[in-house]
């Protein structure tokens, strides 16, 4: 599993929430979902296929908690 962390993310999110109340979470979630789907698509294009099991096992999900 690949995990990433933005240093200073709490401060950035607090500033964005202050300047764009009620809108930032949806935009961030949409951007993350788009990125996750692009990564999944690229992984599916690059995966070697023998039986297809690995190809069909690739999936991606984004969650809305703790934003």
Protein backbone atom coordinates (compact mmCIF):
# COMPACT_ATOMS: atom_id res chain seq x y z
CA UNK A 1 0.00 0.00 0.00
CA UNK A 2 1.29 3.46 -0.90
CA UNK A 3 0.69 6.27 1.57
CA UNK A 4 1.74 9.89 1.28
CA UNK A 5 1.79 12.76 3.76
CA UNK A 6 1.97 16.49 3.16
CA UNK A 7 4.13 18.25 5.74
CA UNK A 8 2.14 21.13 7.23
CA UNK A 9 -1.14 19.72 5.97
CA UNK A 10 -3.09 20.74 9.09
CA UNK A 11 -2.06 24.35 8.70
CA UNK A 12 -2.82 24.34 4.98
CA UNK A 13 -6.27 22.82 5.51
CA UNK A 14 -7.08 25.24 8.34
CA UNK A 15 -6.17 28.19 6.11
CA UNK A 16 -8.20 26.81 3.20
CA UNK A 17 -11.22 26.15 5.44
CA UNK A 18 -11.02 29.69 6.76
CA UNK A 19 -10.87 31.21 3.27
CA UNK A 20 -13.28 28.80 1.55
CA UNK A 21 -15.76 27.61 4.20
CA UNK A 22 -17.77 24.50 3.31
CA UNK A 23 -16.24 24.02 -0.14
CA UNK A 24 -12.69 22.84 0.29
CA UNK A 25 -13.40 19.28 1.50
CA UNK A 26 -15.45 18.44 -1.58
CA UNK A 27 -12.83 19.87 -3.95
CA UNK A 28 -9.98 18.09 -2.19
CA UNK A 29 -11.88 14.81 -2.20
CA UNK A 30 -12.65 15.18 -5.92
CA UNK A 31 -8.98 15.88 -6.68
CA UNK A 32 -7.81 12.91 -4.60
CA UNK A 33 -10.37 10.63 -6.24
CA UNK A 34 -9.26 11.77 -9.69
CA UNK A 35 -5.61 11.14 -8.79
CA UNK A 36 -6.36 7.71 -7.34
CA UNK A 37 -8.26 6.72 -10.48
CA UNK A 38 -5.43 7.92 -12.73
CA UNK A 39 -2.88 5.93 -10.74
CA UNK A 40 -5.08 2.83 -10.91
CA UNK A 41 -5.50 3.25 -14.66
CA UNK A 42 -1.76 3.60 -15.20
CA UNK A 43 -1.07 0.58 -13.00
CA UNK A 44 -3.55 -1.48 -15.05
CA UNK A 45 -1.85 -0.38 -18.28
CA UNK A 46 1.61 -1.35 -16.97
CA UNK A 47 0.89 -4.60 -15.13
CA UNK A 48 2.21 -7.75 -16.82
CA UNK A 49 -0.63 -10.06 -17.78
CA UNK A 50 -0.31 -13.82 -17.59
CA UNK A 51 -3.60 -15.04 -16.16
CA UNK A 52 -5.13 -11.58 -15.64
CA UNK A 53 -5.59 -12.16 -11.90
CA UNK A 54 -3.27 -9.31 -10.93
CA UNK A 55 -4.84 -6.96 -13.47
CA UNK A 56 -8.34 -7.62 -12.20
CA UNK A 57 -7.29 -7.40 -8.56
CA UNK A 58 -6.18 -3.76 -8.87
CA UNK A 59 -8.64 -1.38 -7.27
CA UNK A 60 -8.63 2.09 -5.77
CA UNK A 61 -10.68 3.85 -3.13
CA UNK A 62 -10.68 7.29 -1.55
CA UNK A 63 -12.21 7.96 1.84
CA UNK A 64 -13.73 11.17 3.22
CA UNK A 65 -12.58 10.80 6.82
CA UNK A 66 -10.22 13.22 8.60
CA UNK A 67 -9.98 15.92 5.98
